[in-house]
């Protein structure tokens, strides 16, 4: 549903040097600060409403676009805690310009994991963004027993019987992203790739986020 959220803007020059260096932020301009959970967070859903087959990160893409188009934004810092999603960031990437096609080259609009079985091709171009930095506090890989689905899926409403199926589908989708943008499968095992339903993985592969 449509809603309102906040973006913060901080002059980079006002940040401690150690902070800028740790996050590789530019010295000039404004740093846009966005919180994923404000548009795709668990707190917005009752336990009965939680279903990561249906939730998506489209709203996160809207946040990133709004931050990127503000004059003077030199970088974006995105916090990704507390998400209700497990879509590898595909919803955000659709908002940013990617297209998702089925086997007959028909567009799959409003992509979400319930549509993944139809997804055959990733096309389109991602809109250019200022440098994107991701803040997270977990180091889970994308896949496997310590990955996004098995570790965080149950709290997002995923039933035990669906864990393996979603993890396998996430692996297929992750490899499609790698094939589209280039990169080795070691990215699937990158610490933090499984944070917030894999959005860190998707944004790093497609947008060069760090």
N, C-alpha and C. Protein backbone atom coordinates (compact mmCIF):
# COMPACT_ATOMS: atom_id res chain seq x y z
N UNK A 1 0.84 -1.18 0.00
CA UNK A 1 0.00 0.00 0.00
C UNK A 1 0.88 1.24 0.00
N UNK A 2 0.41 2.33 -0.62
CA UNK A 2 1.17 3.58 -0.57
C UNK A 2 1.31 4.06 0.87
N UNK A 3 2.42 4.71 1.16
CA UNK A 3 2.63 5.22 2.50
C UNK A 3 3.70 6.28 2.49
N UNK A 4 3.94 6.84 3.66
CA UNK A 4 4.95 7.88 3.82
C UNK A 4 6.10 7.36 4.66
N UNK A 5 7.28 7.82 4.35
CA UNK A 5 8.43 7.51 5.17
C UNK A 5 9.38 8.69 5.12
N UNK A 6 10.47 8.59 5.86
CA UNK A 6 11.42 9.70 5.93
C UNK A 6 12.76 9.30 5.34
N UNK A 7 13.40 10.30 4.75
CA UNK A 7 14.79 10.20 4.34
C UNK A 7 15.58 11.24 5.13
N UNK A 8 16.78 10.87 5.54
CA UNK A 8 17.64 11.84 6.20
C UNK A 8 18.75 12.29 5.26
N UNK A 9 19.18 13.53 5.42
CA UNK A 9 20.28 14.06 4.61
C UNK A 9 21.27 14.76 5.53
N UNK A 10 22.50 14.29 5.50
CA UNK A 10 23.54 14.78 6.40
C UNK A 10 24.71 15.30 5.56
N UNK A 11 25.17 16.53 5.81
CA UNK A 11 26.36 16.99 5.09
C UNK A 11 27.54 16.07 5.38
N UNK A 12 28.18 15.60 4.35
CA UNK A 12 29.29 14.68 4.55
C UNK A 12 30.39 15.31 5.40
N UNK A 13 30.57 16.61 5.25
CA UNK A 13 31.63 17.30 5.99
C UNK A 13 31.39 17.30 7.49
N UNK A 14 30.14 17.03 7.92
CA UNK A 14 29.83 17.02 9.34
C UNK A 14 30.09 15.67 9.99
N UNK A 15 30.39 14.66 9.19
CA UNK A 15 30.64 13.33 9.72
C UNK A 15 32.08 13.21 10.20
N UNK A 16 32.30 12.44 11.25
CA UNK A 16 33.69 12.19 11.66
C UNK A 16 34.47 11.53 10.52
N UNK A 17 35.73 11.87 10.43
CA UNK A 17 36.57 11.31 9.38
C UNK A 17 36.57 9.79 9.43
N UNK A 18 36.59 9.22 10.62
CA UNK A 18 36.62 7.76 10.75
C UNK A 18 35.37 7.12 10.15
N UNK A 19 34.23 7.78 10.29
CA UNK A 19 32.99 7.27 9.72
C UNK A 19 33.05 7.31 8.21
N UNK A 20 33.50 8.44 7.67
CA UNK A 20 33.61 8.54 6.21
C UNK A 20 34.55 7.49 5.65
N UNK A 21 35.65 7.28 6.33
CA UNK A 21 36.63 6.31 5.83
C UNK A 21 36.10 4.89 5.95
N UNK A 22 35.46 4.56 7.04
CA UNK A 22 34.93 3.21 7.24
C UNK A 22 33.92 2.86 6.15
N UNK A 23 33.06 3.81 5.79
CA UNK A 23 32.02 3.56 4.79
C UNK A 23 32.42 4.01 3.39
N UNK A 24 33.65 4.47 3.22
CA UNK A 24 34.13 4.96 1.92
C UNK A 24 33.17 5.99 1.34
N UNK A 25 32.82 6.98 2.16
CA UNK A 25 31.91 8.04 1.75
C UNK A 25 32.70 9.23 1.20
N UNK A 26 32.10 9.95 0.27
CA UNK A 26 32.78 11.13 -0.27
C UNK A 26 32.88 12.22 0.79
N UNK A 27 33.85 13.14 0.60
CA UNK A 27 34.07 14.21 1.56
C UNK A 27 33.08 15.35 1.39
N UNK A 28 32.50 15.48 0.20
CA UNK A 28 31.62 16.61 -0.10
C UNK A 28 30.20 16.13 -0.35
N UNK A 29 29.28 17.08 -0.40
CA UNK A 29 27.89 16.79 -0.69
C UNK A 29 27.14 16.26 0.52
N UNK A 30 25.93 15.79 0.27
CA UNK A 30 25.09 15.26 1.34
C UNK A 30 24.98 13.74 1.25
N UNK A 31 24.95 13.10 2.39
CA UNK A 31 24.74 11.66 2.47
C UNK A 31 23.27 11.42 2.75
N UNK A 32 22.59 10.74 1.85
CA UNK A 32 21.19 10.37 2.08
C UNK A 32 21.15 9.11 2.94
N UNK A 33 20.33 9.13 3.97
CA UNK A 33 20.21 7.99 4.88
C UNK A 33 18.79 7.46 4.81
N UNK A 34 18.68 6.19 4.40
CA UNK A 34 17.37 5.55 4.22
C UNK A 34 17.32 4.28 5.04
N UNK A 35 16.14 3.93 5.52
CA UNK A 35 15.95 2.72 6.32
C UNK A 35 14.96 1.80 5.60
N UNK A 36 15.45 0.64 5.19
CA UNK A 36 14.63 -0.32 4.47
C UNK A 36 13.34 -0.66 5.21
N UNK A 37 13.45 -0.85 6.54
CA UNK A 37 12.29 -1.30 7.31
C UNK A 37 11.16 -0.28 7.30
N UNK A 38 11.44 0.97 6.97
CA UNK A 38 10.38 1.97 6.95
C UNK A 38 9.38 1.73 5.83
N UNK A 39 9.79 0.96 4.81
CA UNK A 39 8.87 0.67 3.70
C UNK A 39 8.66 -0.83 3.47
N UNK A 40 9.53 -1.66 4.05
CA UNK A 40 9.41 -3.10 3.82
C UNK A 40 9.72 -3.87 5.10
N UNK A 41 9.24 -3.33 6.22
CA UNK A 41 9.61 -3.89 7.51
C UNK A 41 8.59 -4.83 8.12
N UNK A 42 9.06 -5.73 8.95
CA UNK A 42 8.19 -6.66 9.65
C UNK A 42 7.17 -5.93 10.52
N UNK A 43 7.55 -4.76 11.06
CA UNK A 43 6.66 -4.07 11.98
C UNK A 43 5.36 -3.63 11.32
N UNK A 44 5.33 -3.56 10.00
CA UNK A 44 4.13 -3.12 9.29
C UNK A 44 3.11 -4.24 9.10
N UNK A 45 3.50 -5.47 9.42
CA UNK A 45 2.62 -6.62 9.18
C UNK A 45 2.35 -7.36 10.48
N UNK A 46 1.12 -7.80 10.63
CA UNK A 46 0.81 -8.70 11.74
C UNK A 46 1.40 -10.07 11.43
N UNK A 47 1.61 -10.92 12.44
CA UNK A 47 2.13 -12.26 12.16
C UNK A 47 1.32 -13.01 11.12
N UNK A 48 0.03 -12.81 11.09
CA UNK A 48 -0.82 -13.51 10.12
C UNK A 48 -0.61 -13.00 8.69
N UNK A 49 -0.15 -11.77 8.55
CA UNK A 49 0.03 -11.18 7.23
C UNK A 49 1.39 -11.48 6.63
N UNK A 50 2.32 -11.97 7.40
CA UNK A 50 3.69 -12.14 6.92
C UNK A 50 3.79 -13.32 5.96
N UNK A 51 4.32 -13.05 4.78
CA UNK A 51 4.46 -14.08 3.75
C UNK A 51 5.52 -13.63 2.74
N UNK A 52 6.76 -14.11 2.88
CA UNK A 52 7.82 -13.64 1.98
C UNK A 52 7.67 -14.09 0.54
N UNK A 53 6.71 -14.96 0.24
CA UNK A 53 6.41 -15.22 -1.17
C UNK A 53 5.75 -14.00 -1.81
N UNK A 54 5.08 -13.18 -1.01
CA UNK A 54 4.31 -12.06 -1.56
C UNK A 54 4.92 -10.69 -1.27
N UNK A 55 5.75 -10.57 -0.24
CA UNK A 55 6.34 -9.26 0.06
C UNK A 55 7.49 -8.95 -0.90
N UNK A 56 7.73 -7.67 -1.10
CA UNK A 56 8.77 -7.28 -2.05
C UNK A 56 9.45 -5.99 -1.61
N UNK A 57 10.53 -5.65 -2.29
CA UNK A 57 11.31 -4.46 -1.97
C UNK A 57 11.08 -3.31 -2.94
N UNK A 58 9.94 -3.30 -3.62
CA UNK A 58 9.66 -2.20 -4.54
C UNK A 58 9.79 -0.84 -3.86
N UNK A 59 9.28 -0.74 -2.64
CA UNK A 59 9.34 0.53 -1.93
C UNK A 59 10.75 0.97 -1.62
N UNK A 60 11.65 0.01 -1.45
CA UNK A 60 13.06 0.37 -1.22
C UNK A 60 13.63 1.04 -2.47
N UNK A 61 13.25 0.52 -3.63
CA UNK A 61 13.66 1.16 -4.87
C UNK A 61 13.15 2.59 -4.97
N UNK A 62 11.90 2.82 -4.53
CA UNK A 62 11.36 4.18 -4.52
C UNK A 62 12.20 5.09 -3.62
N UNK A 63 12.59 4.58 -2.44
CA UNK A 63 13.43 5.36 -1.54
C UNK A 63 14.76 5.72 -2.19
N UNK A 64 15.38 4.74 -2.83
CA UNK A 64 16.67 4.98 -3.46
C UNK A 64 16.55 6.01 -4.59
N UNK A 65 15.49 5.92 -5.36
CA UNK A 65 15.28 6.90 -6.43
C UNK A 65 15.10 8.30 -5.87
N UNK A 66 14.30 8.40 -4.82
CA UNK A 66 14.07 9.72 -4.23
C UNK A 66 15.38 10.31 -3.69
N UNK A 67 16.17 9.47 -3.04
CA UNK A 67 17.45 9.94 -2.52
C UNK A 67 18.39 10.35 -3.65
N UNK A 68 18.41 9.56 -4.72
CA UNK A 68 19.35 9.80 -5.82
C UNK A 68 19.02 11.07 -6.58
N UNK A 69 17.74 11.44 -6.64
CA UNK A 69 17.34 12.58 -7.46
C UNK A 69 17.35 13.90 -6.69
N UNK A 70 17.63 13.85 -5.40
CA UNK A 70 17.75 15.10 -4.65
C UNK A 70 19.08 15.77 -4.99
N UNK A 71 19.01 17.03 -5.32
CA UNK A 71 20.21 17.76 -5.69
C UNK A 71 21.20 17.77 -4.54
N UNK A 72 22.44 17.45 -4.83
CA UNK A 72 23.49 17.48 -3.84
C UNK A 72 23.79 16.15 -3.18
N UNK A 73 23.00 15.12 -3.47
CA UNK A 73 23.26 13.81 -2.87
C UNK A 73 24.53 13.23 -3.48
N UNK A 74 25.51 12.95 -2.63
CA UNK A 74 26.77 12.41 -3.13
C UNK A 74 26.95 10.94 -2.80
N UNK A 75 26.11 10.39 -1.92
CA UNK A 75 26.13 8.96 -1.59
C UNK A 75 24.86 8.62 -0.85
N UNK A 76 24.53 7.34 -0.81
CA UNK A 76 23.35 6.85 -0.10
C UNK A 76 23.80 5.79 0.89
N UNK A 77 23.33 5.91 2.12
CA UNK A 77 23.55 4.89 3.14
C UNK A 77 22.21 4.25 3.45
N UNK A 78 22.09 2.95 3.16
CA UNK A 78 20.84 2.22 3.33
C UNK A 78 20.97 1.22 4.46
N UNK A 79 20.17 1.39 5.51
CA UNK A 79 20.10 0.40 6.57
C UNK A 79 19.11 -0.70 6.21
N UNK A 80 19.50 -1.96 6.40
CA UNK A 80 18.63 -3.04 5.90
C UNK A 80 18.18 -4.00 7.00
N UNK A 81 18.06 -3.53 8.22
CA UNK A 81 17.56 -4.41 9.28
C UNK A 81 16.04 -4.51 9.28
N UNK A 82 15.53 -5.60 9.85
CA UNK A 82 14.10 -5.73 10.13
C UNK A 82 13.19 -5.88 8.93
N UNK A 83 13.67 -6.46 7.84
CA UNK A 83 12.84 -6.54 6.64
C UNK A 83 11.84 -7.68 6.72
N UNK A 84 10.76 -7.54 5.95
CA UNK A 84 9.75 -8.58 5.83
C UNK A 84 9.90 -9.33 4.51
N UNK A 85 11.00 -9.14 3.82
CA UNK A 85 11.16 -9.63 2.45
C UNK A 85 12.25 -10.68 2.33
N UNK A 86 12.16 -11.44 1.24
CA UNK A 86 13.19 -12.43 0.91
C UNK A 86 13.32 -12.50 -0.61
N UNK A 87 13.41 -11.33 -1.24
CA UNK A 87 13.33 -11.28 -2.71
C UNK A 87 14.64 -10.92 -3.39
N UNK A 88 15.77 -10.95 -2.66
CA UNK A 88 17.08 -10.62 -3.21
C UNK A 88 17.15 -9.20 -3.76
N UNK A 89 16.20 -8.37 -3.37
CA UNK A 89 16.18 -6.99 -3.86
C UNK A 89 15.60 -6.83 -5.25
N UNK A 90 14.98 -7.86 -5.81
CA UNK A 90 14.47 -7.76 -7.17
C UNK A 90 13.40 -6.68 -7.31
N UNK A 91 12.57 -6.51 -6.28
CA UNK A 91 11.55 -5.47 -6.35
C UNK A 91 12.19 -4.10 -6.48
N UNK A 92 13.22 -3.84 -5.68
CA UNK A 92 13.93 -2.56 -5.78
C UNK A 92 14.59 -2.41 -7.14
N UNK A 93 15.17 -3.48 -7.65
CA UNK A 93 15.84 -3.41 -8.94
C UNK A 93 14.85 -3.20 -10.08
N UNK A 94 13.64 -3.71 -9.94
CA UNK A 94 12.61 -3.40 -10.95
C UNK A 94 12.28 -1.91 -10.93
N UNK A 95 12.11 -1.35 -9.74
CA UNK A 95 11.86 0.08 -9.64
C UNK A 95 13.01 0.89 -10.26
N UNK A 96 14.21 0.37 -10.14
CA UNK A 96 15.39 1.06 -10.65
C UNK A 96 15.66 0.81 -12.14
N UNK A 97 14.83 -0.03 -12.78
CA UNK A 97 14.95 -0.17 -14.22
C UNK A 97 15.04 -1.55 -14.80
N UNK A 98 15.27 -2.58 -13.98
CA UNK A 98 15.37 -3.92 -14.55
C UNK A 98 14.01 -4.44 -14.99
N UNK A 99 14.05 -5.33 -15.98
CA UNK A 99 12.84 -6.00 -16.46
C UNK A 99 13.01 -7.50 -16.25
N UNK A 100 11.92 -8.15 -15.91
CA UNK A 100 11.95 -9.58 -15.64
C UNK A 100 10.98 -10.26 -16.60
N UNK A 101 11.51 -11.20 -17.39
CA UNK A 101 10.74 -11.80 -18.49
C UNK A 101 10.56 -13.28 -18.27
N UNK A 102 9.40 -13.78 -18.76
CA UNK A 102 9.17 -15.23 -18.70
C UNK A 102 9.74 -15.89 -19.95
N UNK A 103 9.47 -17.17 -20.13
CA UNK A 103 10.06 -17.93 -21.23
C UNK A 103 9.57 -17.46 -22.60
N UNK A 104 8.46 -16.72 -22.65
CA UNK A 104 7.95 -16.19 -23.91
C UNK A 104 8.28 -14.72 -24.07
N UNK A 105 9.21 -14.21 -23.26
CA UNK A 105 9.64 -12.80 -23.28
C UNK A 105 8.53 -11.83 -22.88
N UNK A 106 7.55 -12.32 -22.14
CA UNK A 106 6.53 -11.45 -21.59
C UNK A 106 7.00 -10.91 -20.24
N UNK A 107 6.73 -9.64 -20.01
CA UNK A 107 7.18 -9.01 -18.78
C UNK A 107 6.41 -9.52 -17.57
N UNK A 108 7.14 -9.77 -16.49
CA UNK A 108 6.53 -10.11 -15.20
C UNK A 108 6.57 -8.84 -14.35
N UNK A 109 5.44 -8.20 -14.22
CA UNK A 109 5.39 -6.93 -13.50
C UNK A 109 5.21 -7.17 -12.01
N UNK A 110 5.74 -6.23 -11.23
CA UNK A 110 5.68 -6.32 -9.76
C UNK A 110 6.25 -7.65 -9.29
N UNK A 111 7.48 -7.88 -9.65
CA UNK A 111 8.16 -9.15 -9.35
C UNK A 111 8.19 -9.40 -7.85
N UNK A 112 7.98 -10.64 -7.47
CA UNK A 112 8.08 -11.08 -6.08
C UNK A 112 8.33 -12.58 -6.11
N UNK A 113 8.74 -13.20 -5.02
CA UNK A 113 9.10 -14.61 -5.07
C UNK A 113 8.00 -15.54 -5.57
N UNK A 114 6.75 -15.19 -5.40
CA UNK A 114 5.68 -16.05 -5.92
C UNK A 114 5.71 -16.13 -7.44
N UNK A 115 6.40 -15.19 -8.10
CA UNK A 115 6.51 -15.18 -9.57
C UNK A 115 7.80 -15.83 -10.05
N UNK A 116 8.70 -16.18 -9.15
CA UNK A 116 10.02 -16.64 -9.57
C UNK A 116 9.99 -17.85 -10.48
N UNK A 117 9.01 -18.72 -10.31
CA UNK A 117 8.94 -19.90 -11.15
C UNK A 117 8.77 -19.58 -12.63
N UNK A 118 8.25 -18.40 -12.95
CA UNK A 118 8.05 -17.97 -14.34
C UNK A 118 9.25 -17.23 -14.90
N UNK A 119 10.16 -16.79 -14.02
CA UNK A 119 11.25 -15.92 -14.46
C UNK A 119 12.31 -16.69 -15.23
N UNK A 120 12.56 -16.23 -16.47
CA UNK A 120 13.56 -16.88 -17.32
C UNK A 120 14.71 -15.96 -17.68
N UNK A 121 14.45 -14.65 -17.80
CA UNK A 121 15.45 -13.71 -18.29
C UNK A 121 15.38 -12.40 -17.52
N UNK A 122 16.53 -11.85 -17.22
CA UNK A 122 16.62 -10.52 -16.62
C UNK A 122 17.16 -9.56 -17.68
N UNK A 123 16.42 -8.48 -17.93
CA UNK A 123 16.80 -7.53 -18.97
C UNK A 123 16.73 -6.11 -18.39
N UNK A 124 16.98 -5.13 -19.26
CA UNK A 124 16.92 -3.74 -18.84
C UNK A 124 18.22 -3.26 -18.22
N UNK A 125 18.23 -2.00 -17.86
CA UNK A 125 19.40 -1.37 -17.26
C UNK A 125 19.00 -0.73 -15.95
N UNK A 126 19.90 -0.80 -14.98
CA UNK A 126 19.65 -0.17 -13.69
C UNK A 126 20.03 1.31 -13.76
N UNK A 127 19.16 2.13 -13.25
CA UNK A 127 19.44 3.56 -13.21
C UNK A 127 20.73 3.82 -12.44
N UNK A 128 21.50 4.77 -12.92
CA UNK A 128 22.73 5.15 -12.23
C UNK A 128 22.40 5.81 -10.89
N UNK A 129 23.09 5.38 -9.85
CA UNK A 129 22.88 5.91 -8.51
C UNK A 129 24.19 6.50 -7.99
N UNK A 130 24.10 7.41 -7.03
CA UNK A 130 25.32 7.79 -6.31
C UNK A 130 25.88 6.56 -5.61
N UNK A 131 27.12 6.61 -5.15
CA UNK A 131 27.67 5.46 -4.43
C UNK A 131 26.71 4.98 -3.34
N UNK A 132 26.45 3.67 -3.33
CA UNK A 132 25.46 3.10 -2.41
C UNK A 132 26.18 2.26 -1.37
N UNK A 133 25.97 2.59 -0.11
CA UNK A 133 26.57 1.86 1.00
C UNK A 133 25.45 1.22 1.82
N UNK A 134 25.68 -0.02 2.23
CA UNK A 134 24.66 -0.78 2.96
C UNK A 134 25.14 -1.03 4.37
N UNK A 135 24.27 -0.75 5.33
CA UNK A 135 24.57 -0.98 6.74
C UNK A 135 23.77 -2.18 7.23
N UNK A 136 24.46 -3.22 7.69
CA UNK A 136 23.77 -4.37 8.26
C UNK A 136 24.60 -4.94 9.40
N UNK A 137 23.97 -5.74 10.24
CA UNK A 137 24.67 -6.24 11.41
C UNK A 137 24.74 -7.76 11.45
N UNK A 138 24.58 -8.41 10.30
CA UNK A 138 24.73 -9.86 10.23
C UNK A 138 25.68 -10.20 9.09
N UNK A 139 26.27 -11.39 9.15
CA UNK A 139 27.23 -11.78 8.11
C UNK A 139 26.82 -13.07 7.41
N UNK A 140 25.51 -13.36 7.39
CA UNK A 140 25.04 -14.58 6.75
C UNK A 140 25.26 -14.54 5.24
N UNK A 141 25.62 -15.68 4.63
CA UNK A 141 25.68 -15.75 3.17
C UNK A 141 24.26 -15.78 2.61
N UNK A 142 24.15 -15.82 1.31
CA UNK A 142 22.82 -15.80 0.70
C UNK A 142 22.09 -17.13 0.87
N UNK A 143 22.81 -18.24 0.67
CA UNK A 143 22.16 -19.55 0.55
C UNK A 143 22.59 -20.50 1.66
N UNK A 144 21.86 -21.60 1.75
CA UNK A 144 22.24 -22.68 2.66
C UNK A 144 21.63 -22.53 4.04
N UNK A 145 22.03 -23.44 4.93
CA UNK A 145 21.43 -23.51 6.26
C UNK A 145 21.70 -22.26 7.10
N UNK A 146 22.75 -21.53 6.80
CA UNK A 146 23.02 -20.28 7.52
C UNK A 146 22.69 -19.06 6.67
N UNK A 147 21.99 -19.27 5.55
CA UNK A 147 21.68 -18.19 4.63
C UNK A 147 20.38 -17.47 4.95
N UNK A 148 19.98 -16.61 4.02
CA UNK A 148 18.83 -15.73 4.23
C UNK A 148 17.56 -16.50 4.53
N UNK A 149 17.25 -17.51 3.73
CA UNK A 149 15.96 -18.18 3.85
C UNK A 149 15.85 -19.01 5.12
N UNK A 150 16.83 -19.87 5.36
CA UNK A 150 16.75 -20.76 6.52
C UNK A 150 16.87 -19.99 7.83
N UNK A 151 17.68 -18.95 7.86
CA UNK A 151 17.91 -18.22 9.11
C UNK A 151 16.78 -17.26 9.43
N UNK A 152 16.33 -16.52 8.43
CA UNK A 152 15.37 -15.44 8.70
C UNK A 152 13.98 -15.70 8.14
N UNK A 153 13.83 -16.70 7.25
CA UNK A 153 12.53 -16.97 6.65
C UNK A 153 11.42 -17.25 7.65
N UNK A 154 11.65 -18.08 8.66
CA UNK A 154 10.56 -18.39 9.60
C UNK A 154 9.99 -17.17 10.30
N UNK A 155 10.84 -16.21 10.71
CA UNK A 155 10.31 -15.03 11.39
C UNK A 155 9.53 -14.13 10.45
N UNK A 156 9.73 -14.33 9.13
CA UNK A 156 9.01 -13.54 8.14
C UNK A 156 7.75 -14.24 7.65
N UNK A 157 7.45 -15.40 8.23
CA UNK A 157 6.21 -16.09 7.90
C UNK A 157 6.36 -17.28 6.99
N UNK A 158 7.60 -17.67 6.68
CA UNK A 158 7.81 -18.80 5.78
C UNK A 158 7.67 -20.11 6.55
N UNK A 159 6.84 -21.02 6.04
CA UNK A 159 6.63 -22.30 6.70
C UNK A 159 7.85 -23.20 6.51
N UNK A 160 8.03 -24.13 7.45
CA UNK A 160 9.17 -25.03 7.37
C UNK A 160 9.23 -25.82 6.09
N UNK A 161 8.07 -26.19 5.56
CA UNK A 161 8.03 -26.96 4.33
C UNK A 161 8.45 -26.19 3.10
N UNK A 162 8.49 -24.86 3.21
CA UNK A 162 8.86 -24.02 2.06
C UNK A 162 10.30 -23.56 2.09
N UNK A 163 11.01 -23.84 3.16
CA UNK A 163 12.36 -23.30 3.29
C UNK A 163 13.28 -23.79 2.18
N UNK A 164 13.31 -25.08 1.95
CA UNK A 164 14.21 -25.62 0.93
C UNK A 164 13.83 -25.12 -0.45
N UNK A 165 12.53 -25.08 -0.75
CA UNK A 165 12.09 -24.63 -2.08
C UNK A 165 12.49 -23.18 -2.32
N UNK A 166 12.28 -22.30 -1.33
CA UNK A 166 12.65 -20.91 -1.53
C UNK A 166 14.16 -20.75 -1.61
N UNK A 167 14.90 -21.50 -0.82
CA UNK A 167 16.36 -21.41 -0.88
C UNK A 167 16.87 -21.83 -2.25
N UNK A 168 16.32 -22.89 -2.80
CA UNK A 168 16.73 -23.34 -4.13
C UNK A 168 16.37 -22.31 -5.20
N UNK A 169 15.18 -21.73 -5.08
CA UNK A 169 14.79 -20.69 -6.04
C UNK A 169 15.67 -19.45 -5.90
N UNK A 170 16.01 -19.10 -4.66
CA UNK A 170 16.90 -17.96 -4.46
C UNK A 170 18.26 -18.20 -5.11
N UNK A 171 18.74 -19.44 -5.05
CA UNK A 171 19.99 -19.77 -5.72
C UNK A 171 19.89 -19.60 -7.23
N UNK A 172 18.78 -20.04 -7.80
CA UNK A 172 18.60 -19.89 -9.25
C UNK A 172 18.53 -18.41 -9.63
N UNK A 173 17.78 -17.62 -8.86
CA UNK A 173 17.64 -16.20 -9.17
C UNK A 173 18.98 -15.48 -8.97
N UNK A 174 19.70 -15.85 -7.92
CA UNK A 174 20.99 -15.24 -7.69
C UNK A 174 21.95 -15.48 -8.85
N UNK A 175 21.91 -16.67 -9.37
CA UNK A 175 22.81 -16.99 -10.51
C UNK A 175 22.35 -16.28 -11.78
N UNK A 176 21.05 -16.05 -11.93
CA UNK A 176 20.59 -15.25 -13.07
C UNK A 176 21.12 -13.82 -12.97
N UNK A 177 21.10 -13.26 -11.76
CA UNK A 177 21.65 -11.91 -11.58
C UNK A 177 23.14 -11.88 -11.89
N UNK A 178 23.87 -12.88 -11.42
CA UNK A 178 25.31 -12.93 -11.70
C UNK A 178 25.57 -13.06 -13.19
N UNK A 179 24.76 -13.87 -13.88
CA UNK A 179 24.94 -14.02 -15.33
C UNK A 179 24.65 -12.72 -16.06
N UNK A 180 23.68 -11.96 -15.57
CA UNK A 180 23.30 -10.70 -16.23
C UNK A 180 24.36 -9.62 -16.02
N UNK A 181 24.93 -9.54 -14.82
CA UNK A 181 25.83 -8.44 -14.50
C UNK A 181 27.30 -8.85 -14.41
N UNK A 182 27.55 -10.13 -14.47
CA UNK A 182 28.92 -10.59 -14.34
C UNK A 182 29.29 -10.78 -12.88
N UNK A 183 30.21 -11.64 -12.65
CA UNK A 183 30.63 -11.92 -11.27
C UNK A 183 30.61 -13.40 -11.00
N UNK A 184 31.45 -13.82 -10.10
CA UNK A 184 31.57 -15.23 -9.79
C UNK A 184 30.62 -15.65 -8.68
N UNK A 185 30.47 -16.97 -8.54
CA UNK A 185 29.55 -17.49 -7.54
C UNK A 185 30.03 -17.26 -6.12
N UNK A 186 31.27 -16.82 -5.96
CA UNK A 186 31.72 -16.51 -4.61
C UNK A 186 30.90 -15.39 -3.98
N UNK A 187 30.22 -14.58 -4.84
CA UNK A 187 29.36 -13.52 -4.32
C UNK A 187 28.20 -14.08 -3.51
N UNK A 188 27.79 -15.31 -3.81
CA UNK A 188 26.70 -15.95 -3.07
C UNK A 188 27.10 -16.21 -1.62
N UNK A 189 28.40 -16.36 -1.39
CA UNK A 189 28.91 -16.67 -0.06
C UNK A 189 29.47 -15.46 0.66
N UNK A 190 29.37 -14.30 0.05
CA UNK A 190 29.91 -13.09 0.66
C UNK A 190 29.23 -12.82 2.01
N UNK A 191 29.99 -12.54 3.06
CA UNK A 191 29.36 -12.21 4.34
C UNK A 191 28.39 -11.04 4.21
N UNK A 192 27.18 -11.23 4.71
CA UNK A 192 26.17 -10.20 4.62
C UNK A 192 25.28 -10.32 3.40
N UNK A 193 25.62 -11.19 2.45
CA UNK A 193 24.79 -11.34 1.25
C UNK A 193 23.39 -11.79 1.60
N UNK A 194 23.23 -12.50 2.71
CA UNK A 194 21.92 -12.99 3.11
C UNK A 194 21.16 -12.07 4.03
N UNK A 195 21.69 -10.89 4.31
CA UNK A 195 20.97 -9.95 5.17
C UNK A 195 19.72 -9.44 4.48
N UNK A 196 18.66 -9.27 5.27
CA UNK A 196 17.42 -8.65 4.78
C UNK A 196 16.91 -9.31 3.51
N UNK A 197 16.87 -10.63 3.52
CA UNK A 197 16.31 -11.34 2.37
C UNK A 197 17.14 -11.24 1.12
N UNK A 198 18.44 -10.99 1.28
CA UNK A 198 19.34 -10.97 0.13
C UNK A 198 19.40 -9.67 -0.63
N UNK A 199 18.81 -8.59 -0.11
CA UNK A 199 18.87 -7.34 -0.86
C UNK A 199 20.29 -6.82 -0.98
N UNK A 200 21.12 -7.12 0.03
CA UNK A 200 22.52 -6.71 -0.09
C UNK A 200 23.20 -7.37 -1.27
N UNK A 201 22.90 -8.64 -1.48
CA UNK A 201 23.44 -9.35 -2.64
C UNK A 201 22.96 -8.69 -3.94
N UNK A 202 21.66 -8.50 -4.07
CA UNK A 202 21.11 -7.97 -5.30
C UNK A 202 21.64 -6.59 -5.63
N UNK A 203 21.70 -5.72 -4.61
CA UNK A 203 22.17 -4.36 -4.87
C UNK A 203 23.67 -4.31 -5.14
N UNK A 204 24.43 -5.23 -4.54
CA UNK A 204 25.86 -5.23 -4.81
C UNK A 204 26.15 -5.73 -6.22
N UNK A 205 25.44 -6.76 -6.64
CA UNK A 205 25.66 -7.31 -7.98
C UNK A 205 25.21 -6.34 -9.07
N UNK A 206 24.04 -5.74 -8.89
CA UNK A 206 23.45 -4.93 -9.95
C UNK A 206 23.83 -3.46 -9.88
N UNK A 207 24.14 -2.96 -8.68
CA UNK A 207 24.37 -1.53 -8.51
C UNK A 207 25.76 -1.20 -7.96
N UNK A 208 26.56 -2.21 -7.70
CA UNK A 208 27.88 -1.96 -7.16
C UNK A 208 27.87 -1.49 -5.71
N UNK A 209 26.79 -1.79 -4.98
CA UNK A 209 26.72 -1.39 -3.58
C UNK A 209 27.79 -2.10 -2.77
N UNK A 210 28.20 -1.46 -1.70
CA UNK A 210 29.20 -2.03 -0.80
C UNK A 210 28.63 -2.10 0.60
